[in-house]
Amino acid sequence: MGFAGEEQIERWQQHLDLAAEEVFSTMVGVSCAPAEADPAAEPETISAVVGLAGAVSGALVLRAGGRAAARMAERMTGAPAEPAMVRDAVGEVCNMLAGTWKRFDPKLSSGCLLSTPTMVAGDHYEFFSQRAPLRIERAYGFEEETFLLTLFCAPAS
Protein backbone atom coordinates (compact mmCIF):
# COMPACT_ATOMS: atom_id res chain seq x y z
CA MET A 1 0.00 0.00 0.00
CA GLY A 2 3.05 2.25 0.11
CA PHE A 3 2.11 5.67 1.38
CA ALA A 4 -0.77 4.62 3.67
CA GLY A 5 -0.21 2.05 6.39
CA GLU A 6 -2.89 -0.18 7.88
CA GLU A 7 -3.52 2.34 10.66
CA GLN A 8 -4.11 5.16 8.16
CA ILE A 9 -6.38 2.97 6.02
CA GLU A 10 -8.45 2.00 9.07
CA ARG A 11 -8.69 5.67 10.10
CA TRP A 12 -9.87 6.67 6.61
CA GLN A 13 -12.47 3.87 6.67
CA GLN A 14 -13.73 5.14 10.02
CA HIS A 15 -13.84 8.66 8.61
CA LEU A 16 -15.91 7.43 5.65
CA ASP A 17 -18.33 5.77 8.09
CA LEU A 18 -18.61 8.95 10.18
CA ALA A 19 -19.05 11.10 7.06
CA ALA A 20 -21.83 8.85 5.72
CA GLU A 21 -23.62 8.93 9.08
CA GLU A 22 -23.32 12.72 9.38
CA VAL A 23 -24.23 13.64 5.79
CA PHE A 24 -27.20 11.30 5.57
CA SER A 25 -28.49 12.43 8.95
CA THR A 26 -28.31 16.13 8.09
CA MET A 27 -28.83 16.24 4.30
CA VAL A 28 -31.02 13.21 3.61
CA GLY A 29 -32.79 12.97 6.97
CA VAL A 30 -32.15 9.26 7.55
CA SER A 31 -29.63 7.15 9.40
CA CYS A 32 -26.90 5.53 7.34
CA ALA A 33 -24.46 2.82 8.40
CA PRO A 34 -22.06 0.33 6.84
CA ALA A 35 -23.91 -2.53 5.16
CA GLU A 36 -22.89 -6.16 5.03
CA ALA A 37 -23.83 -6.68 1.39
CA ASP A 38 -23.13 -4.73 -1.75
CA PRO A 39 -26.09 -3.10 -3.48
CA ALA A 40 -28.26 -5.40 -5.56
CA ALA A 41 -27.53 -5.23 -9.26
CA GLU A 42 -29.87 -2.92 -11.13
CA PRO A 43 -30.03 -2.29 -14.87
CA GLU A 44 -29.27 1.41 -14.35
CA THR A 45 -26.78 2.93 -11.93
CA ILE A 46 -25.69 6.47 -11.27
CA SER A 47 -22.31 7.52 -9.93
CA ALA A 48 -20.82 10.77 -8.74
CA VAL A 49 -17.06 11.28 -8.81
CA VAL A 50 -15.39 14.00 -6.73
CA GLY A 51 -11.68 14.48 -7.41
CA LEU A 52 -9.12 14.97 -4.63
CA ALA A 53 -5.95 17.03 -5.15
CA GLY A 54 -3.23 18.34 -2.88
CA ALA A 55 -2.19 16.32 0.19
CA VAL A 56 -3.54 13.25 -1.63
CA SER A 57 -4.50 12.68 -5.22
CA GLY A 58 -7.49 10.58 -6.15
CA ALA A 59 -11.27 10.50 -6.08
CA LEU A 60 -14.28 9.59 -4.00
CA VAL A 61 -16.95 7.74 -5.98
CA LEU A 62 -20.54 7.23 -4.85
CA ARG A 63 -22.27 4.52 -6.89
CA ALA A 64 -25.97 3.79 -6.41
CA GLY A 65 -28.66 1.88 -8.21
CA GLY A 66 -31.52 3.84 -9.66
CA ARG A 67 -33.86 3.15 -6.72
CA ALA A 68 -31.31 4.22 -4.08
CA ALA A 69 -30.38 7.34 -6.05
CA ALA A 70 -34.04 8.31 -6.48
CA ARG A 71 -34.71 7.74 -2.79
CA MET A 72 -31.75 9.99 -1.82
CA ALA A 73 -33.16 12.74 -4.03
CA GLU A 74 -36.72 12.33 -2.73
CA ARG A 75 -35.57 12.43 0.91
CA MET A 76 -33.43 15.52 0.25
CA THR A 77 -36.06 17.52 -1.62
CA GLY A 78 -39.37 16.15 -0.41
CA ALA A 79 -40.49 15.90 -4.04
CA PRO A 80 -40.89 12.98 -6.46
CA ALA A 81 -37.61 12.13 -8.16
CA GLU A 82 -36.94 13.35 -11.69
CA PRO A 83 -33.74 12.44 -13.60
CA ALA A 84 -32.03 15.85 -13.41
CA MET A 85 -32.90 16.21 -9.74
CA VAL A 86 -31.53 12.73 -9.01
CA ARG A 87 -28.20 13.55 -10.69
CA ASP A 88 -27.94 16.84 -8.77
CA ALA A 89 -28.80 15.19 -5.46
CA VAL A 90 -26.35 12.30 -5.84
CA GLY A 91 -23.61 14.74 -6.90
CA GLU A 92 -24.31 16.94 -3.89
CA VAL A 93 -24.31 13.98 -1.49
CA CYS A 94 -20.96 12.79 -2.89
CA ASN A 95 -19.50 16.30 -2.61
CA MET A 96 -20.68 16.59 1.00
CA LEU A 97 -19.30 13.12 1.80
CA ALA A 98 -15.89 14.05 0.38
CA GLY A 99 -15.82 17.34 2.26
CA THR A 100 -16.90 15.77 5.52
CA TRP A 101 -14.44 12.85 5.12
CA LYS A 102 -11.45 15.15 4.61
CA ARG A 103 -12.52 17.38 7.52
CA PHE A 104 -11.74 14.54 9.96
CA ASP A 105 -8.02 14.61 9.01
CA PRO A 106 -6.18 17.89 9.78
CA LYS A 107 -3.71 17.39 6.91
CA LEU A 108 -6.51 16.81 4.42
CA SER A 109 -8.86 19.41 5.85
CA SER A 110 -6.61 22.28 4.84
CA GLY A 111 -4.40 20.56 2.27
CA CYS A 112 -6.80 18.70 -0.02
CA LEU A 113 -8.99 20.36 -2.64
CA LEU A 114 -12.18 18.89 -4.09
CA SER A 115 -13.42 19.04 -7.67
CA THR A 116 -17.03 19.59 -8.59
CA PRO A 117 -18.86 16.27 -9.02
CA THR A 118 -18.80 14.48 -12.37
CA MET A 119 -21.82 12.29 -12.99
CA VAL A 120 -21.93 8.95 -14.80
CA ALA A 121 -25.14 7.03 -15.51
CA GLY A 122 -25.76 3.78 -17.31
CA ASP A 123 -24.91 0.13 -16.94
CA HIS A 124 -21.83 -2.06 -17.24
CA TYR A 125 -19.19 0.43 -16.20
CA GLU A 126 -16.41 0.22 -13.65
CA PHE A 127 -14.26 2.85 -11.99
CA PHE A 128 -10.57 2.28 -11.56
CA SER A 129 -7.47 4.37 -11.18
CA GLN A 130 -4.21 3.38 -12.79
CA ARG A 131 -2.24 5.74 -10.51
CA ALA A 132 -3.91 5.27 -7.13
CA PRO A 133 -2.33 2.41 -5.17
CA LEU A 134 -5.02 2.59 -2.49
CA ARG A 135 -8.65 1.60 -3.00
CA ILE A 136 -11.11 1.52 -0.10
CA GLU A 137 -14.60 0.31 -0.98
CA ARG A 138 -17.45 0.35 1.54
CA ALA A 139 -21.15 -0.48 1.20
CA TYR A 140 -23.68 1.59 3.16
CA GLY A 141 -27.36 1.24 3.85
CA PHE A 142 -30.17 3.70 4.49
CA GLU A 143 -33.83 2.78 4.76
CA GLU A 144 -34.05 -0.31 2.51
CA GLU A 145 -31.43 0.90 0.04
CA THR A 146 -27.67 0.43 -0.31
CA PHE A 147 -24.89 2.23 -2.17
CA LEU A 148 -21.11 2.01 -2.52
CA LEU A 149 -18.42 4.52 -1.66
CA THR A 150 -15.01 3.96 -3.21
CA LEU A 151 -11.99 6.02 -2.24
CA PHE A 152 -9.03 6.01 -4.61
CA CYS A 153 -5.88 7.64 -3.18
CA ALA A 154 -2.27 8.20 -4.14
CA PRO A 155 0.36 10.37 -2.48
CA ALA A 156 0.63 13.92 -3.77
CA SER A 157 3.02 14.14 -6.69
C-alpha atoms as a PDB file:
ATOM      1  CA  MET A   1       0.000   0.000   0.000  1.00  0.00           C
ATOM      2  CA  GLY A   2       3.051   2.248   0.109  1.00  0.00           C
ATOM      3  CA  PHE A   3       2.109   5.675   1.381  1.00  0.00           C
ATOM      4  CA  ALA A   4      -0.772   4.623   3.668  1.00  0.00           C
ATOM      5  CA  GLY A   5      -0.212   2.051   6.386  1.00  0.00           C
ATOM      6  CA  GLU A   6      -2.887  -0.177   7.876  1.00  0.00           C
ATOM      7  CA  GLU A   7      -3.516   2.343  10.664  1.00  0.00           C
ATOM      8  CA  GLN A   8      -4.115   5.156   8.156  1.00  0.00           C
ATOM      9  CA  ILE A   9      -6.382   2.972   6.024  1.00  0.00           C
ATOM     10  CA  GLU A  10      -8.445   1.997   9.074  1.00  0.00           C
ATOM     11  CA  ARG A  11      -8.691   5.667  10.105  1.00  0.00           C
ATOM     12  CA  TRP A  12      -9.871   6.670   6.607  1.00  0.00           C
ATOM     13  CA  GLN A  13     -12.475   3.872   6.667  1.00  0.00           C
ATOM     14  CA  GLN A  14     -13.732   5.139  10.024  1.00  0.00           C
ATOM     15  CA  HIS A  15     -13.839   8.664   8.609  1.00  0.00           C
ATOM     16  CA  LEU A  16     -15.912   7.434   5.648  1.00  0.00           C
ATOM     17  CA  ASP A  17     -18.332   5.771   8.087  1.00  0.00           C
ATOM     18  CA  LEU A  18     -18.605   8.954  10.177  1.00  0.00           C
ATOM     19  CA  ALA A  19     -19.046  11.098   7.055  1.00  0.00           C
ATOM     20  CA  ALA A  20     -21.830   8.847   5.720  1.00  0.00           C
ATOM     21  CA  GLU A  21     -23.617   8.929   9.076  1.00  0.00           C
ATOM     22  CA  GLU A  22     -23.322  12.723   9.379  1.00  0.00           C
ATOM     23  CA  VAL A  23     -24.227  13.638   5.793  1.00  0.00           C
ATOM     24  CA  PHE A  24     -27.203  11.301   5.566  1.00  0.00           C
ATOM     25  CA  SER A  25     -28.486  12.425   8.947  1.00  0.00           C
ATOM     26  CA  THR A  26     -28.308  16.130   8.086  1.00  0.00           C
ATOM     27  CA  MET A  27     -28.826  16.239   4.297  1.00  0.00           C
ATOM     28  CA  VAL A  28     -31.025  13.215   3.613  1.00  0.00           C
ATOM     29  CA  GLY A  29     -32.791  12.975   6.969  1.00  0.00           C
ATOM     30  CA  VAL A  30     -32.149   9.263   7.554  1.00  0.00           C
ATOM     31  CA  SER A  31     -29.627   7.151   9.396  1.00  0.00           C
ATOM     32  CA  CYS A  32     -26.896   5.530   7.338  1.00  0.00           C
ATOM     33  CA  ALA A  33     -24.463   2.819   8.398  1.00  0.00           C
ATOM     34  CA  PRO A  34     -22.055   0.327   6.840  1.00  0.00           C
ATOM     35  CA  ALA A  35     -23.914  -2.529   5.161  1.00  0.00           C
ATOM     36  CA  GLU A  36     -22.892  -6.164   5.029  1.00  0.00           C
ATOM     37  CA  ALA A  37     -23.835  -6.680   1.394  1.00  0.00           C
ATOM     38  CA  ASP A  38     -23.131  -4.726  -1.752  1.00  0.00           C
ATOM     39  CA  PRO A  39     -26.093  -3.102  -3.482  1.00  0.00           C
ATOM     40  CA  ALA A  40     -28.260  -5.401  -5.557  1.00  0.00           C
ATOM     41  CA  ALA A  41     -27.534  -5.232  -9.261  1.00  0.00           C
ATOM     42  CA  GLU A  42     -29.874  -2.925 -11.134  1.00  0.00           C
ATOM     43  CA  PRO A  43     -30.025  -2.292 -14.868  1.00  0.00           C
ATOM     44  CA  GLU A  44     -29.273   1.407 -14.349  1.00  0.00           C
ATOM     45  CA  THR A  45     -26.779   2.928 -11.925  1.00  0.00           C
ATOM     46  CA  ILE A  46     -25.690   6.471 -11.275  1.00  0.00           C
ATOM     47  CA  SER A  47     -22.306   7.516  -9.929  1.00  0.00           C
ATOM     48  CA  ALA A  48     -20.818  10.767  -8.740  1.00  0.00           C
ATOM     49  CA  VAL A  49     -17.058  11.282  -8.811  1.00  0.00           C
ATOM     50  CA  VAL A  50     -15.386  14.001  -6.730  1.00  0.00           C
ATOM     51  CA  GLY A  51     -11.679  14.480  -7.409  1.00  0.00           C
ATOM     52  CA  LEU A  52      -9.118  14.971  -4.634  1.00  0.00           C
ATOM     53  CA  ALA A  53      -5.953  17.029  -5.149  1.00  0.00           C
ATOM     54  CA  GLY A  54      -3.232  18.343  -2.875  1.00  0.00           C
ATOM     55  CA  ALA A  55      -2.191  16.325   0.187  1.00  0.00           C
ATOM     56  CA  VAL A  56      -3.538  13.249  -1.628  1.00  0.00           C
ATOM     57  CA  SER A  57      -4.502  12.676  -5.220  1.00  0.00           C
ATOM     58  CA  GLY A  58      -7.492  10.582  -6.151  1.00  0.00           C
ATOM     59  CA  ALA A  59     -11.268  10.503  -6.077  1.00  0.00           C
ATOM     60  CA  LEU A  60     -14.275   9.589  -3.997  1.00  0.00           C
ATOM     61  CA  VAL A  61     -16.949   7.738  -5.978  1.00  0.00           C
ATOM     62  CA  LEU A  62     -20.542   7.232  -4.847  1.00  0.00           C
ATOM     63  CA  ARG A  63     -22.275   4.516  -6.887  1.00  0.00           C
ATOM     64  CA  ALA A  64     -25.973   3.789  -6.412  1.00  0.00           C
ATOM     65  CA  GLY A  65     -28.658   1.876  -8.208  1.00  0.00           C
ATOM     66  CA  GLY A  66     -31.525   3.839  -9.659  1.00  0.00           C
ATOM     67  CA  ARG A  67     -33.864   3.147  -6.724  1.00  0.00           C
ATOM     68  CA  ALA A  68     -31.313   4.221  -4.078  1.00  0.00           C
ATOM     69  CA  ALA A  69     -30.377   7.343  -6.051  1.00  0.00           C
ATOM     70  CA  ALA A  70     -34.035   8.314  -6.483  1.00  0.00           C
ATOM     71  CA  ARG A  71     -34.705   7.738  -2.793  1.00  0.00           C
ATOM     72  CA  MET A  72     -31.752   9.987  -1.824  1.00  0.00           C
ATOM     73  CA  ALA A  73     -33.164  12.740  -4.027  1.00  0.00           C
ATOM     74  CA  GLU A  74     -36.721  12.329  -2.725  1.00  0.00           C
ATOM     75  CA  ARG A  75     -35.566  12.431   0.908  1.00  0.00           C
ATOM     76  CA  MET A  76     -33.426  15.525   0.253  1.00  0.00           C
ATOM     77  CA  THR A  77     -36.061  17.517  -1.623  1.00  0.00           C
ATOM     78  CA  GLY A  78     -39.370  16.147  -0.406  1.00  0.00           C
ATOM     79  CA  ALA A  79     -40.491  15.898  -4.042  1.00  0.00           C
ATOM     80  CA  PRO A  80     -40.892  12.978  -6.465  1.00  0.00           C
ATOM     81  CA  ALA A  81     -37.611  12.127  -8.159  1.00  0.00           C
ATOM     82  CA  GLU A  82     -36.940  13.347 -11.688  1.00  0.00           C
ATOM     83  CA  PRO A  83     -33.735  12.442 -13.599  1.00  0.00           C
ATOM     84  CA  ALA A  84     -32.032  15.851 -13.411  1.00  0.00           C
ATOM     85  CA  MET A  85     -32.897  16.211  -9.742  1.00  0.00           C
ATOM     86  CA  VAL A  86     -31.528  12.729  -9.007  1.00  0.00           C
ATOM     87  CA  ARG A  87     -28.196  13.554 -10.687  1.00  0.00           C
ATOM     88  CA  ASP A  88     -27.944  16.838  -8.774  1.00  0.00           C
ATOM     89  CA  ALA A  89     -28.801  15.185  -5.457  1.00  0.00           C
ATOM     90  CA  VAL A  90     -26.347  12.299  -5.842  1.00  0.00           C
ATOM     91  CA  GLY A  91     -23.607  14.736  -6.900  1.00  0.00           C
ATOM     92  CA  GLU A  92     -24.306  16.944  -3.890  1.00  0.00           C
ATOM     93  CA  VAL A  93     -24.306  13.984  -1.494  1.00  0.00           C
ATOM     94  CA  CYS A  94     -20.963  12.792  -2.887  1.00  0.00           C
ATOM     95  CA  ASN A  95     -19.500  16.295  -2.612  1.00  0.00           C
ATOM     96  CA  MET A  96     -20.684  16.588   1.004  1.00  0.00           C
ATOM     97  CA  LEU A  97     -19.304  13.124   1.805  1.00  0.00           C
ATOM     98  CA  ALA A  98     -15.890  14.046   0.376  1.00  0.00           C
ATOM     99  CA  GLY A  99     -15.817  17.344   2.264  1.00  0.00           C
ATOM    100  CA  THR A 100     -16.900  15.765   5.522  1.00  0.00           C
ATOM    101  CA  TRP A 101     -14.438  12.852   5.120  1.00  0.00           C
ATOM    102  CA  LYS A 102     -11.452  15.152   4.606  1.00  0.00           C
ATOM    103  CA  ARG A 103     -12.519  17.381   7.516  1.00  0.00           C
ATOM    104  CA  PHE A 104     -11.744  14.540   9.959  1.00  0.00           C
ATOM    105  CA  ASP A 105      -8.024  14.612   9.009  1.00  0.00           C
ATOM    106  CA  PRO A 106      -6.183  17.888   9.781  1.00  0.00           C
ATOM    107  CA  LYS A 107      -3.706  17.393   6.907  1.00  0.00           C
ATOM    108  CA  LEU A 108      -6.511  16.809   4.418  1.00  0.00           C
ATOM    109  CA  SER A 109      -8.858  19.408   5.850  1.00  0.00           C
ATOM    110  CA  SER A 110      -6.610  22.279   4.837  1.00  0.00           C
ATOM    111  CA  GLY A 111      -4.402  20.557   2.273  1.00  0.00           C
ATOM    112  CA  CYS A 112      -6.797  18.699  -0.021  1.00  0.00           C
ATOM    113  CA  LEU A 113      -8.992  20.357  -2.636  1.00  0.00           C
ATOM    114  CA  LEU A 114     -12.181  18.887  -4.092  1.00  0.00           C
ATOM    115  CA  SER A 115     -13.419  19.043  -7.670  1.00  0.00           C
ATOM    116  CA  THR A 116     -17.028  19.587  -8.591  1.00  0.00           C
ATOM    117  CA  PRO A 117     -18.859  16.268  -9.020  1.00  0.00           C
ATOM    118  CA  THR A 118     -18.801  14.485 -12.365  1.00  0.00           C
ATOM    119  CA  MET A 119     -21.822  12.294 -12.990  1.00  0.00           C
ATOM    120  CA  VAL A 120     -21.926   8.945 -14.803  1.00  0.00           C
ATOM    121  CA  ALA A 121     -25.139   7.032 -15.506  1.00  0.00           C
ATOM    122  CA  GLY A 122     -25.759   3.783 -17.309  1.00  0.00           C
ATOM    123  CA  ASP A 123     -24.907   0.129 -16.935  1.00  0.00           C
ATOM    124  CA  HIS A 124     -21.828  -2.061 -17.245  1.00  0.00           C
ATOM    125  CA  TYR A 125     -19.186   0.427 -16.197  1.00  0.00           C
ATOM    126  CA  GLU A 126     -16.409   0.215 -13.651  1.00  0.00           C
ATOM    127  CA  PHE A 127     -14.259   2.853 -11.995  1.00  0.00           C
ATOM    128  CA  PHE A 128     -10.572   2.282 -11.558  1.00  0.00           C
ATOM    129  CA  SER A 129      -7.468   4.373 -11.178  1.00  0.00           C
ATOM    130  CA  GLN A 130      -4.206   3.382 -12.788  1.00  0.00           C
ATOM    131  CA  ARG A 131      -2.242   5.739 -10.515  1.00  0.00           C
ATOM    132  CA  ALA A 132      -3.912   5.271  -7.133  1.00  0.00           C
ATOM    133  CA  PRO A 133      -2.333   2.412  -5.170  1.00  0.00           C
ATOM    134  CA  LEU A 134      -5.020   2.586  -2.487  1.00  0.00           C
ATOM    135  CA  ARG A 135      -8.652   1.600  -2.999  1.00  0.00           C
ATOM    136  CA  ILE A 136     -11.108   1.518  -0.100  1.00  0.00           C
ATOM    137  CA  GLU A 137     -14.600   0.313  -0.977  1.00  0.00           C
ATOM    138  CA  ARG A 138     -17.451   0.352   1.539  1.00  0.00           C
ATOM    139  CA  ALA A 139     -21.148  -0.485   1.199  1.00  0.00           C
ATOM    140  CA  TYR A 140     -23.675   1.595   3.157  1.00  0.00           C
ATOM    141  CA  GLY A 141     -27.359   1.241   3.848  1.00  0.00           C
ATOM    142  CA  PHE A 142     -30.175   3.702   4.488  1.00  0.00           C
ATOM    143  CA  GLU A 143     -33.829   2.777   4.764  1.00  0.00           C
ATOM    144  CA  GLU A 144     -34.052  -0.314   2.510  1.00  0.00           C
ATOM    145  CA  GLU A 145     -31.427   0.903   0.035  1.00  0.00           C
ATOM    146  CA  THR A 146     -27.670   0.430  -0.315  1.00  0.00           C
ATOM    147  CA  PHE A 147     -24.893   2.231  -2.171  1.00  0.00           C
ATOM    148  CA  LEU A 148     -21.112   2.012  -2.524  1.00  0.00           C
ATOM    149  CA  LEU A 149     -18.418   4.523  -1.660  1.00  0.00           C
ATOM    150  CA  THR A 150     -15.006   3.963  -3.212  1.00  0.00           C
ATOM    151  CA  LEU A 151     -11.991   6.024  -2.237  1.00  0.00           C
ATOM    152  CA  PHE A 152      -9.025   6.006  -4.611  1.00  0.00           C
ATOM    153  CA  CYS A 153      -5.879   7.636  -3.181  1.00  0.00           C
ATOM    154  CA  ALA A 154      -2.269   8.202  -4.144  1.00  0.00           C
ATOM    155  CA  PRO A 155       0.360  10.371  -2.478  1.00  0.00           C
ATOM    156  CA  ALA A 156       0.628  13.917  -3.771  1.00  0.00           C
ATOM    157  CA  SER A 157       3.023  14.136  -6.685  1.00  0.00           C
END
